[in-house]
Amino acid sequence: MTRRRLKPEELELWRKVAQTTEKLHPERKHVDTPLPKPTPRKSPQARIDGFDLGQNAKPKGNDHDLAPSVTERIKSAPVQMDRKTFGRLKRGKLVPEGKLDLHGMTMDRAHPALTAFILRAHAQGKRLVLVITGKGKDRDEGGPIPVRRGVLRHNVPHWLSTPPLAQVVLQVSEAHLKHGGGGAYYVYLRRAR
């Protein structure tokens, strides 16, 4: 908002109003302060024809693009196995041949247990096993850095996609509700050779 200069009649009216008022502190000296000078307006800068500031700027994207959740990453992973079998797996029609429960384990105990279980199941010729991680406890104390819920639930798919398990695992999928839902994973293994 720009300030405008007071007209002479407005200035005179203000002085009349000011004379009719009583001082809050009559013991203080009255200093007649001049009115503040309006700040000068800057003249518009010279424009160059055919050029607009920011015309080639790319639109800003979302600065806070968070990593997708574990569930979203697993669902978006390409299907490596037979589609018909995968459909039966997602509907809970296939029965797991083995089960590993990681509830209550720390990461340093769960990782070796998972590795040993998957390699043993593959050596025995099993094709489908169930790994139960649990949904995890909500440990976010509201700090500046969010803490993911379910440490094992978050790390098990990563462990299954890295060596030595990546060579024997064909597909990882979230389990059907009757087998644990979001707290468990189906691990479909490659054929033993």
N, C-alpha and C. Protein backbone atom coordinates (compact mmCIF):
# COMPACT_ATOMS: atom_id res chain seq x y z
N MET A 1 0.85 -1.16 0.00
CA MET A 1 0.00 0.00 0.00
C MET A 1 0.90 1.23 0.00
N THR A 2 0.63 2.13 -0.90
CA THR A 2 1.45 3.35 -1.00
C THR A 2 0.81 4.46 -0.19
N ARG A 3 1.67 5.31 0.34
CA ARG A 3 1.17 6.46 1.10
C ARG A 3 0.96 7.63 0.16
N ARG A 4 -0.04 8.42 0.46
CA ARG A 4 -0.26 9.62 -0.33
C ARG A 4 -0.02 10.83 0.55
N ARG A 5 0.24 11.93 -0.08
CA ARG A 5 0.43 13.18 0.67
C ARG A 5 -0.92 13.69 1.16
N LEU A 6 -0.88 14.30 2.35
CA LEU A 6 -2.11 14.88 2.89
C LEU A 6 -2.39 16.21 2.17
N LYS A 7 -3.65 16.43 1.91
CA LYS A 7 -4.05 17.69 1.30
C LYS A 7 -4.00 18.78 2.39
N PRO A 8 -3.85 20.04 2.01
CA PRO A 8 -3.75 21.12 3.02
C PRO A 8 -4.97 21.16 3.94
N GLU A 9 -6.19 20.95 3.40
CA GLU A 9 -7.37 21.00 4.26
C GLU A 9 -7.40 19.81 5.24
N GLU A 10 -6.86 18.65 4.84
CA GLU A 10 -6.79 17.50 5.75
C GLU A 10 -5.78 17.76 6.86
N LEU A 11 -4.67 18.40 6.53
CA LEU A 11 -3.65 18.73 7.51
C LEU A 11 -4.18 19.75 8.53
N GLU A 12 -4.94 20.73 8.07
CA GLU A 12 -5.53 21.73 8.95
C GLU A 12 -6.56 21.09 9.88
N LEU A 13 -7.38 20.20 9.35
CA LEU A 13 -8.37 19.49 10.16
C LEU A 13 -7.67 18.67 11.25
N TRP A 14 -6.59 18.02 10.92
CA TRP A 14 -5.85 17.21 11.89
C TRP A 14 -5.29 18.10 13.01
N ARG A 15 -4.79 19.25 12.67
CA ARG A 15 -4.24 20.14 13.70
C ARG A 15 -5.34 20.64 14.65
N LYS A 16 -6.55 20.92 14.13
CA LYS A 16 -7.67 21.34 14.98
C LYS A 16 -8.05 20.23 15.95
N VAL A 17 -8.09 18.99 15.45
CA VAL A 17 -8.43 17.85 16.31
C VAL A 17 -7.37 17.68 17.37
N ALA A 18 -6.11 17.82 17.00
CA ALA A 18 -5.01 17.64 17.95
C ALA A 18 -5.04 18.69 19.05
N GLN A 19 -5.53 19.92 18.78
CA GLN A 19 -5.58 20.98 19.79
C GLN A 19 -6.68 20.74 20.81
N THR A 20 -7.72 19.99 20.46
CA THR A 20 -8.83 19.75 21.38
C THR A 20 -8.56 18.59 22.33
N THR A 21 -7.49 17.90 22.15
CA THR A 21 -7.20 16.74 23.00
C THR A 21 -6.45 17.14 24.24
N GLU A 22 -6.52 16.28 25.26
CA GLU A 22 -5.76 16.49 26.49
C GLU A 22 -4.55 15.57 26.47
N LYS A 23 -3.48 16.05 27.04
CA LYS A 23 -2.25 15.25 27.06
C LYS A 23 -2.38 14.16 28.11
N LEU A 24 -1.86 12.99 27.82
CA LEU A 24 -1.83 11.91 28.79
C LEU A 24 -0.82 12.21 29.89
N HIS A 25 0.29 12.78 29.52
CA HIS A 25 1.34 13.13 30.47
C HIS A 25 1.67 14.61 30.29
N PRO A 26 0.96 15.49 31.02
CA PRO A 26 1.17 16.93 30.83
C PRO A 26 2.56 17.40 31.27
N GLU A 27 3.23 16.63 32.13
CA GLU A 27 4.55 17.03 32.60
C GLU A 27 5.62 16.90 31.52
N ARG A 28 5.37 16.10 30.51
CA ARG A 28 6.34 15.94 29.42
C ARG A 28 6.27 17.14 28.49
N LYS A 29 7.42 17.44 27.90
CA LYS A 29 7.47 18.53 26.94
C LYS A 29 6.83 18.08 25.63
N HIS A 30 6.16 18.99 25.01
CA HIS A 30 5.54 18.69 23.72
C HIS A 30 6.53 19.02 22.61
N VAL A 31 6.79 18.02 21.82
CA VAL A 31 7.69 18.22 20.68
C VAL A 31 6.86 18.07 19.43
N ASP A 32 6.83 19.11 18.64
CA ASP A 32 6.06 19.05 17.40
C ASP A 32 6.87 18.29 16.37
N THR A 33 6.47 17.05 16.13
CA THR A 33 7.21 16.22 15.17
C THR A 33 6.63 16.41 13.79
N PRO A 34 7.47 16.57 12.83
CA PRO A 34 6.94 16.70 11.46
C PRO A 34 6.38 15.36 10.98
N LEU A 35 5.49 15.45 10.08
CA LEU A 35 4.92 14.23 9.51
C LEU A 35 5.99 13.47 8.73
N PRO A 36 5.91 12.15 8.74
CA PRO A 36 6.93 11.38 8.00
C PRO A 36 6.80 11.62 6.50
N LYS A 37 7.95 11.64 5.87
CA LYS A 37 7.96 11.84 4.42
C LYS A 37 7.60 10.53 3.74
N PRO A 38 6.81 10.60 2.72
CA PRO A 38 6.48 9.37 2.02
C PRO A 38 7.71 8.82 1.32
N THR A 39 7.80 7.50 1.29
CA THR A 39 8.93 6.88 0.61
C THR A 39 8.73 7.00 -0.89
N PRO A 40 9.78 7.34 -1.59
CA PRO A 40 9.63 7.49 -3.04
C PRO A 40 9.41 6.13 -3.70
N ARG A 41 8.58 6.15 -4.71
CA ARG A 41 8.32 4.92 -5.46
C ARG A 41 9.41 4.72 -6.48
N LYS A 42 9.78 3.45 -6.64
CA LYS A 42 10.80 3.15 -7.65
C LYS A 42 10.14 3.13 -9.01
N SER A 43 10.85 3.67 -9.95
CA SER A 43 10.31 3.66 -11.30
C SER A 43 10.44 2.25 -11.87
N PRO A 44 9.51 1.83 -12.70
CA PRO A 44 9.61 0.48 -13.27
C PRO A 44 10.88 0.35 -14.09
N GLN A 45 11.52 -0.82 -13.94
CA GLN A 45 12.77 -1.06 -14.66
C GLN A 45 12.50 -1.19 -16.15
N ALA A 46 13.51 -0.89 -16.89
CA ALA A 46 13.39 -1.00 -18.34
C ALA A 46 13.17 -2.46 -18.71
N ARG A 47 12.23 -2.68 -19.59
CA ARG A 47 11.92 -4.03 -20.04
C ARG A 47 12.60 -4.30 -21.38
N ILE A 48 13.01 -5.52 -21.57
CA ILE A 48 13.60 -5.94 -22.83
C ILE A 48 12.51 -6.65 -23.61
N ASP A 49 12.31 -6.24 -24.83
CA ASP A 49 11.27 -6.86 -25.66
C ASP A 49 11.59 -8.34 -25.88
N GLY A 50 10.58 -9.17 -25.76
CA GLY A 50 10.75 -10.60 -26.02
C GLY A 50 11.33 -11.36 -24.83
N PHE A 51 11.49 -10.70 -23.70
CA PHE A 51 12.05 -11.37 -22.54
C PHE A 51 11.17 -11.10 -21.32
N ASP A 52 10.77 -12.16 -20.65
CA ASP A 52 10.05 -12.07 -19.38
C ASP A 52 10.87 -12.80 -18.34
N LEU A 53 10.96 -12.20 -17.20
CA LEU A 53 11.72 -12.81 -16.12
C LEU A 53 11.09 -14.15 -15.74
N GLY A 54 11.89 -15.21 -15.75
CA GLY A 54 11.42 -16.53 -15.37
C GLY A 54 10.71 -17.30 -16.45
N GLN A 55 10.80 -16.86 -17.69
CA GLN A 55 10.06 -17.54 -18.76
C GLN A 55 10.57 -18.95 -19.01
N ASN A 56 11.85 -19.21 -18.74
CA ASN A 56 12.41 -20.54 -18.96
C ASN A 56 12.51 -21.37 -17.68
N ALA A 57 12.01 -20.84 -16.58
CA ALA A 57 12.10 -21.55 -15.31
C ALA A 57 11.19 -22.77 -15.33
N LYS A 58 11.72 -23.85 -14.77
CA LYS A 58 10.92 -25.08 -14.69
C LYS A 58 10.05 -25.00 -13.44
N PRO A 59 8.82 -25.51 -13.52
CA PRO A 59 7.96 -25.46 -12.34
C PRO A 59 8.56 -26.31 -11.22
N LYS A 60 8.43 -25.81 -10.01
CA LYS A 60 8.96 -26.55 -8.87
C LYS A 60 8.10 -27.77 -8.62
N GLY A 61 8.77 -28.87 -8.34
CA GLY A 61 8.05 -30.08 -7.98
C GLY A 61 7.81 -30.10 -6.48
N ASN A 62 7.34 -31.23 -6.01
CA ASN A 62 7.10 -31.39 -4.58
C ASN A 62 8.44 -31.56 -3.89
N ASP A 63 8.80 -30.62 -3.01
CA ASP A 63 10.09 -30.67 -2.32
C ASP A 63 10.16 -31.81 -1.31
N HIS A 64 9.03 -32.25 -0.84
CA HIS A 64 9.01 -33.26 0.20
C HIS A 64 8.44 -34.56 -0.35
N ASP A 65 9.06 -35.07 -1.37
CA ASP A 65 8.61 -36.31 -1.98
C ASP A 65 9.15 -37.46 -1.14
N LEU A 66 8.28 -38.04 -0.33
CA LEU A 66 8.70 -39.11 0.57
C LEU A 66 8.78 -40.42 -0.18
N ALA A 67 9.62 -41.30 0.32
CA ALA A 67 9.75 -42.63 -0.28
C ALA A 67 8.42 -43.36 -0.13
N PRO A 68 8.05 -44.15 -1.13
CA PRO A 68 6.80 -44.88 -1.02
C PRO A 68 6.88 -45.89 0.12
N SER A 69 5.72 -46.25 0.66
CA SER A 69 5.70 -47.22 1.76
C SER A 69 6.10 -48.60 1.23
N VAL A 70 6.39 -49.49 2.16
CA VAL A 70 6.80 -50.85 1.81
C VAL A 70 5.69 -51.53 1.00
N THR A 71 4.46 -51.35 1.42
CA THR A 71 3.33 -51.97 0.73
C THR A 71 3.24 -51.48 -0.71
N GLU A 72 3.41 -50.17 -0.92
CA GLU A 72 3.33 -49.62 -2.27
C GLU A 72 4.48 -50.13 -3.15
N ARG A 73 5.68 -50.23 -2.58
CA ARG A 73 6.82 -50.72 -3.36
C ARG A 73 6.63 -52.17 -3.76
N ILE A 74 6.11 -53.00 -2.86
CA ILE A 74 5.92 -54.42 -3.18
C ILE A 74 4.82 -54.58 -4.22
N LYS A 75 3.74 -53.80 -4.08
CA LYS A 75 2.65 -53.89 -5.06
C LYS A 75 3.09 -53.43 -6.44
N SER A 76 3.98 -52.44 -6.49
CA SER A 76 4.41 -51.91 -7.79
C SER A 76 5.55 -52.71 -8.42
N ALA A 77 6.11 -53.67 -7.68
CA ALA A 77 7.19 -54.50 -8.23
C ALA A 77 6.63 -55.37 -9.36
N PRO A 78 7.40 -55.59 -10.42
CA PRO A 78 6.91 -56.43 -11.52
C PRO A 78 6.76 -57.88 -11.06
N VAL A 79 5.79 -58.56 -11.66
CA VAL A 79 5.53 -59.97 -11.33
C VAL A 79 6.55 -60.83 -12.06
N GLN A 80 7.34 -61.60 -11.31
CA GLN A 80 8.38 -62.45 -11.88
C GLN A 80 7.90 -63.88 -12.09
N MET A 81 6.83 -64.25 -11.41
CA MET A 81 6.36 -65.63 -11.46
C MET A 81 5.17 -65.75 -12.41
N ASP A 82 4.66 -66.96 -12.55
CA ASP A 82 3.51 -67.23 -13.39
C ASP A 82 2.31 -66.41 -12.90
N ARG A 83 1.65 -65.70 -13.80
CA ARG A 83 0.56 -64.80 -13.41
C ARG A 83 -0.62 -65.54 -12.77
N LYS A 84 -0.93 -66.71 -13.28
CA LYS A 84 -2.04 -67.47 -12.72
C LYS A 84 -1.72 -67.90 -11.28
N THR A 85 -0.52 -68.35 -11.05
CA THR A 85 -0.10 -68.73 -9.71
C THR A 85 -0.04 -67.51 -8.80
N PHE A 86 0.41 -66.39 -9.35
CA PHE A 86 0.47 -65.16 -8.57
C PHE A 86 -0.93 -64.72 -8.14
N GLY A 87 -1.90 -64.84 -9.03
CA GLY A 87 -3.28 -64.50 -8.69
C GLY A 87 -3.82 -65.39 -7.58
N ARG A 88 -3.52 -66.68 -7.64
CA ARG A 88 -3.95 -67.60 -6.57
C ARG A 88 -3.25 -67.26 -5.25
N LEU A 89 -1.99 -66.85 -5.36
CA LEU A 89 -1.21 -66.46 -4.18
C LEU A 89 -1.85 -65.24 -3.51
N LYS A 90 -2.19 -64.22 -4.28
CA LYS A 90 -2.77 -62.99 -3.74
C LYS A 90 -4.15 -63.23 -3.11
N ARG A 91 -4.87 -64.22 -3.62
CA ARG A 91 -6.20 -64.54 -3.07
C ARG A 91 -6.11 -65.47 -1.86
N GLY A 92 -4.91 -65.89 -1.50
CA GLY A 92 -4.73 -66.76 -0.33
C GLY A 92 -5.08 -68.21 -0.60
N LYS A 93 -5.10 -68.62 -1.87
CA LYS A 93 -5.46 -70.00 -2.24
C LYS A 93 -4.28 -70.97 -2.11
N LEU A 94 -3.05 -70.44 -2.15
CA LEU A 94 -1.88 -71.30 -2.00
C LEU A 94 -1.53 -71.40 -0.51
N VAL A 95 -1.14 -72.60 -0.09
CA VAL A 95 -0.79 -72.82 1.30
C VAL A 95 0.73 -72.78 1.44
N PRO A 96 1.26 -71.95 2.33
CA PRO A 96 2.71 -71.90 2.51
C PRO A 96 3.26 -73.23 3.05
N GLU A 97 4.43 -73.61 2.55
CA GLU A 97 5.05 -74.87 2.95
C GLU A 97 5.93 -74.71 4.19
N GLY A 98 6.20 -73.49 4.57
CA GLY A 98 7.00 -73.24 5.76
C GLY A 98 6.66 -71.86 6.31
N LYS A 99 7.00 -71.67 7.59
CA LYS A 99 6.64 -70.41 8.23
C LYS A 99 7.76 -70.00 9.18
N LEU A 100 8.11 -68.71 9.15
CA LEU A 100 9.09 -68.14 10.08
C LEU A 100 8.44 -66.96 10.76
N ASP A 101 8.45 -66.99 12.10
CA ASP A 101 7.85 -65.91 12.88
C ASP A 101 8.98 -65.07 13.49
N LEU A 102 9.08 -63.81 13.08
CA LEU A 102 10.12 -62.91 13.56
C LEU A 102 9.64 -61.97 14.66
N HIS A 103 8.42 -62.20 15.17
CA HIS A 103 7.87 -61.34 16.23
C HIS A 103 8.84 -61.23 17.40
N GLY A 104 9.04 -60.02 17.86
CA GLY A 104 9.83 -59.79 19.06
C GLY A 104 11.33 -59.86 18.86
N MET A 105 11.80 -60.17 17.66
CA MET A 105 13.24 -60.25 17.41
C MET A 105 13.80 -58.88 17.09
N THR A 106 15.05 -58.69 17.45
CA THR A 106 15.74 -57.47 17.05
C THR A 106 16.28 -57.69 15.64
N MET A 107 16.74 -56.62 15.01
CA MET A 107 17.25 -56.74 13.64
C MET A 107 18.47 -57.64 13.57
N ASP A 108 19.34 -57.58 14.58
CA ASP A 108 20.55 -58.39 14.52
C ASP A 108 20.27 -59.88 14.74
N ARG A 109 19.14 -60.23 15.31
CA ARG A 109 18.75 -61.64 15.41
C ARG A 109 17.88 -62.07 14.24
N ALA A 110 17.04 -61.16 13.73
CA ALA A 110 16.09 -61.50 12.68
C ALA A 110 16.77 -61.73 11.34
N HIS A 111 17.78 -60.92 11.00
CA HIS A 111 18.42 -61.05 9.70
C HIS A 111 19.09 -62.41 9.50
N PRO A 112 19.93 -62.90 10.44
CA PRO A 112 20.50 -64.24 10.25
C PRO A 112 19.45 -65.35 10.27
N ALA A 113 18.40 -65.18 11.11
CA ALA A 113 17.34 -66.20 11.15
C ALA A 113 16.61 -66.27 9.82
N LEU A 114 16.34 -65.11 9.21
CA LEU A 114 15.67 -65.07 7.90
C LEU A 114 16.55 -65.70 6.82
N THR A 115 17.82 -65.34 6.82
CA THR A 115 18.74 -65.87 5.82
C THR A 115 18.83 -67.39 5.91
N ALA A 116 19.00 -67.91 7.12
CA ALA A 116 19.11 -69.37 7.30
C ALA A 116 17.81 -70.06 6.90
N PHE A 117 16.66 -69.49 7.28
CA PHE A 117 15.37 -70.11 6.97
C PHE A 117 15.13 -70.17 5.46
N ILE A 118 15.38 -69.07 4.75
CA ILE A 118 15.13 -69.03 3.30
C ILE A 118 16.07 -69.98 2.57
N LEU A 119 17.34 -69.98 2.91
CA LEU A 119 18.29 -70.88 2.24
C LEU A 119 17.97 -72.35 2.53
N ARG A 120 17.56 -72.66 3.76
CA ARG A 120 17.19 -74.05 4.11
C ARG A 120 15.93 -74.47 3.35
N ALA A 121 14.93 -73.57 3.27
CA ALA A 121 13.69 -73.89 2.55
C ALA A 121 13.97 -74.11 1.07
N HIS A 122 14.85 -73.32 0.49
CA HIS A 122 15.20 -73.48 -0.92
C HIS A 122 15.93 -74.81 -1.14
N ALA A 123 16.82 -75.15 -0.24
CA ALA A 123 17.54 -76.42 -0.36
C ALA A 123 16.61 -77.62 -0.22
N GLN A 124 15.53 -77.49 0.54
CA GLN A 124 14.55 -78.56 0.72
C GLN A 124 13.55 -78.62 -0.43
N GLY A 125 13.63 -77.69 -1.37
CA GLY A 125 12.75 -77.70 -2.54
C GLY A 125 11.41 -77.03 -2.31
N LYS A 126 11.26 -76.28 -1.25
CA LYS A 126 9.99 -75.59 -0.99
C LYS A 126 9.87 -74.41 -1.94
N ARG A 127 8.64 -74.09 -2.34
CA ARG A 127 8.40 -72.98 -3.27
C ARG A 127 7.81 -71.76 -2.60
N LEU A 128 6.93 -71.97 -1.60
CA LEU A 128 6.25 -70.84 -0.96
C LEU A 128 6.42 -70.93 0.55
N VAL A 129 6.96 -69.86 1.12
CA VAL A 129 7.09 -69.79 2.58
C VAL A 129 6.47 -68.48 3.05
N LEU A 130 6.13 -68.46 4.32
CA LEU A 130 5.51 -67.29 4.93
C LEU A 130 6.47 -66.73 5.98
N VAL A 131 6.76 -65.44 5.88
CA VAL A 131 7.61 -64.76 6.85
C VAL A 131 6.74 -63.75 7.59
N ILE A 132 6.58 -63.97 8.90
CA ILE A 132 5.74 -63.10 9.72
C ILE A 132 6.62 -62.08 10.42
N THR A 133 6.37 -60.81 10.16
CA THR A 133 7.15 -59.74 10.78
C THR A 133 6.35 -59.00 11.84
N GLY A 134 5.06 -59.05 11.77
CA GLY A 134 4.22 -58.22 12.63
C GLY A 134 4.10 -56.83 12.01
N LYS A 135 3.13 -56.08 12.45
CA LYS A 135 2.94 -54.74 11.88
C LYS A 135 3.83 -53.70 12.54
N GLY A 136 4.38 -54.01 13.68
CA GLY A 136 5.31 -53.10 14.34
C GLY A 136 4.61 -52.14 15.28
N LYS A 137 5.40 -51.61 16.19
CA LYS A 137 4.89 -50.63 17.14
C LYS A 137 5.12 -49.24 16.59
N ASP A 138 4.23 -48.34 16.95
CA ASP A 138 4.37 -46.95 16.53
C ASP A 138 5.32 -46.27 17.49
N ARG A 139 6.55 -46.00 17.04
CA ARG A 139 7.59 -45.44 17.91
C ARG A 139 7.86 -43.97 17.61
N ASP A 140 7.06 -43.34 16.80
CA ASP A 140 7.30 -41.94 16.44
C ASP A 140 6.92 -41.04 17.60
N GLU A 141 7.93 -40.35 18.15
CA GLU A 141 7.68 -39.45 19.27
C GLU A 141 7.34 -38.04 18.81
N GLY A 142 7.13 -37.83 17.54
CA GLY A 142 6.76 -36.52 17.04
C GLY A 142 7.95 -35.60 16.82
N GLY A 143 9.13 -36.16 16.68
CA GLY A 143 10.31 -35.36 16.44
C GLY A 143 10.37 -34.87 15.01
N PRO A 144 11.44 -34.16 14.67
CA PRO A 144 11.53 -33.59 13.32
C PRO A 144 11.76 -34.65 12.24
N ILE A 145 12.33 -35.80 12.61
CA ILE A 145 12.57 -36.86 11.64
C ILE A 145 11.58 -37.98 11.92
N PRO A 146 10.72 -38.31 10.94
CA PRO A 146 9.74 -39.37 11.20
C PRO A 146 10.41 -40.73 11.31
N VAL A 147 9.86 -41.57 12.18
CA VAL A 147 10.36 -42.92 12.37
C VAL A 147 9.35 -43.87 11.77
N ARG A 148 9.83 -44.76 10.91
CA ARG A 148 8.92 -45.69 10.27
C ARG A 148 8.36 -46.69 11.27
N ARG A 149 7.13 -47.07 11.05
CA ARG A 149 6.49 -48.06 11.91
C ARG A 149 6.88 -49.44 11.42
N GLY A 150 7.31 -50.30 12.33
CA GLY A 150 7.65 -51.68 11.99
C GLY A 150 9.02 -51.80 11.34
N VAL A 151 10.05 -51.90 12.15
CA VAL A 151 11.41 -51.97 11.63
C VAL A 151 11.60 -53.24 10.81
N LEU A 152 11.15 -54.39 11.32
CA LEU A 152 11.31 -55.65 10.58
C LEU A 152 10.44 -55.65 9.33
N ARG A 153 9.24 -55.15 9.45
CA ARG A 153 8.34 -55.10 8.29
C ARG A 153 8.95 -54.28 7.16
N HIS A 154 9.70 -53.26 7.54
CA HIS A 154 10.34 -52.40 6.55
C HIS A 154 11.61 -53.03 5.97
N ASN A 155 12.36 -53.75 6.78
CA ASN A 155 13.66 -54.27 6.35
C ASN A 155 13.62 -55.64 5.68
N VAL A 156 12.65 -56.48 6.00
CA VAL A 156 12.61 -57.84 5.43
C VAL A 156 12.57 -57.83 3.90
N PRO A 157 11.74 -57.01 3.23
CA PRO A 157 11.78 -57.00 1.76
C PRO A 157 13.15 -56.58 1.22
N HIS A 158 13.82 -55.67 1.91
CA HIS A 158 15.16 -55.26 1.48
C HIS A 158 16.14 -56.41 1.63
N TRP A 159 16.09 -57.12 2.75
CA TRP A 159 16.99 -58.26 2.96
C TRP A 159 16.76 -59.35 1.92
N LEU A 160 15.49 -59.54 1.53
CA LEU A 160 15.18 -60.58 0.55
C LEU A 160 15.64 -60.19 -0.86
N SER A 161 15.87 -58.91 -1.09
CA SER A 161 16.29 -58.47 -2.43
C SER A 161 17.80 -58.28 -2.55
N THR A 162 18.54 -58.60 -1.50
CA THR A 162 20.00 -58.47 -1.54
C THR A 162 20.64 -59.85 -1.40
N PRO A 163 21.88 -60.02 -1.90
CA PRO A 163 22.55 -61.33 -1.78
C PRO A 163 22.72 -61.71 -0.31
N PRO A 164 22.69 -62.98 0.01
CA PRO A 164 22.59 -64.17 -0.82
C PRO A 164 21.16 -64.59 -1.13
N LEU A 165 20.17 -63.88 -0.56
CA LEU A 165 18.77 -64.30 -0.73
C LEU A 165 18.21 -63.93 -2.10
N ALA A 166 18.74 -62.91 -2.73
CA ALA A 166 18.20 -62.47 -4.03
C ALA A 166 18.29 -63.56 -5.08
N GLN A 167 19.28 -64.46 -4.96
CA GLN A 167 19.46 -65.52 -5.96
C GLN A 167 18.39 -66.62 -5.83
N VAL A 168 17.77 -66.77 -4.65
CA VAL A 168 16.79 -67.84 -4.47
C VAL A 168 15.35 -67.33 -4.40
N VAL A 169 15.16 -66.03 -4.19
CA VAL A 169 13.81 -65.46 -4.07
C VAL A 169 13.33 -65.00 -5.43
N LEU A 170 12.15 -65.48 -5.83
CA LEU A 170 11.56 -65.09 -7.11
C LEU A 170 10.60 -63.93 -6.94
N GLN A 171 9.76 -63.97 -5.89
CA GLN A 171 8.73 -62.94 -5.71
C GLN A 171 8.45 -62.75 -4.22
N VAL A 172 8.26 -61.51 -3.82
CA VAL A 172 7.84 -61.18 -2.45
C VAL A 172 6.51 -60.45 -2.58
N SER A 173 5.55 -60.86 -1.76
CA SER A 173 4.22 -60.26 -1.82
C SER A 173 3.66 -60.19 -0.41
N GLU A 174 2.82 -59.18 -0.18
CA GLU A 174 2.15 -59.08 1.11
C GLU A 174 1.16 -60.24 1.24
N ALA A 175 1.09 -60.83 2.43
CA ALA A 175 0.26 -62.00 2.65
C ALA A 175 -1.23 -61.65 2.64
N HIS A 176 -2.03 -62.66 2.35
CA HIS A 176 -3.49 -62.54 2.42
C HIS A 176 -3.88 -62.40 3.88
N LEU A 177 -5.07 -61.85 4.14
CA LEU A 177 -5.53 -61.63 5.52
C LEU A 177 -5.53 -62.91 6.35
N LYS A 178 -5.88 -64.04 5.75
CA LYS A 178 -5.93 -65.27 6.54
C LYS A 178 -4.54 -65.78 6.91
N HIS A 179 -3.50 -65.23 6.28
CA HIS A 179 -2.12 -65.60 6.63
C HIS A 179 -1.36 -64.48 7.33
N GLY A 180 -2.03 -63.41 7.70
CA GLY A 180 -1.36 -62.35 8.45
C GLY A 180 -1.48 -60.96 7.84
N GLY A 181 -1.95 -60.84 6.62
CA GLY A 181 -2.15 -59.53 6.00
C GLY A 181 -0.90 -58.68 5.94
N GLY A 182 -1.00 -57.44 6.39
CA GLY A 182 0.11 -56.49 6.33
C GLY A 182 1.26 -56.81 7.26
N GLY A 183 1.08 -57.79 8.15
CA GLY A 183 2.15 -58.16 9.08
C GLY A 183 2.93 -59.38 8.64
N ALA A 184 2.73 -59.83 7.39
CA ALA A 184 3.43 -61.03 6.91
C ALA A 184 3.68 -60.91 5.42
N TYR A 185 4.67 -61.68 4.94
CA TYR A 185 5.03 -61.69 3.52
C TYR A 185 5.05 -63.12 3.00
N TYR A 186 4.51 -63.27 1.79
CA TYR A 186 4.72 -64.51 1.05
C TYR A 186 6.07 -64.38 0.35
N VAL A 187 6.88 -65.40 0.43
CA VAL A 187 8.15 -65.42 -0.28
C VAL A 187 8.10 -66.62 -1.19
N TYR A 188 8.04 -66.36 -2.49
CA TYR A 188 7.98 -67.43 -3.49
C TYR A 188 9.42 -67.68 -3.98
N LEU A 189 9.88 -68.92 -3.82
CA LEU A 189 11.27 -69.25 -4.10
C LEU A 189 11.43 -69.84 -5.49
N ARG A 190 12.63 -69.70 -6.05
CA ARG A 190 12.94 -70.31 -7.34
C ARG A 190 13.07 -71.81 -7.18
N ARG A 191 12.97 -72.51 -8.29
CA ARG A 191 13.13 -73.96 -8.25
C ARG A 191 14.58 -74.28 -7.90
N ALA A 192 14.75 -75.28 -7.06
CA ALA A 192 16.11 -75.72 -6.72
C ALA A 192 16.70 -76.46 -7.92
N ARG A 193 17.96 -76.20 -8.26
CA ARG A 193 18.58 -76.85 -9.44
C ARG A 193 19.62 -77.83 -9.01
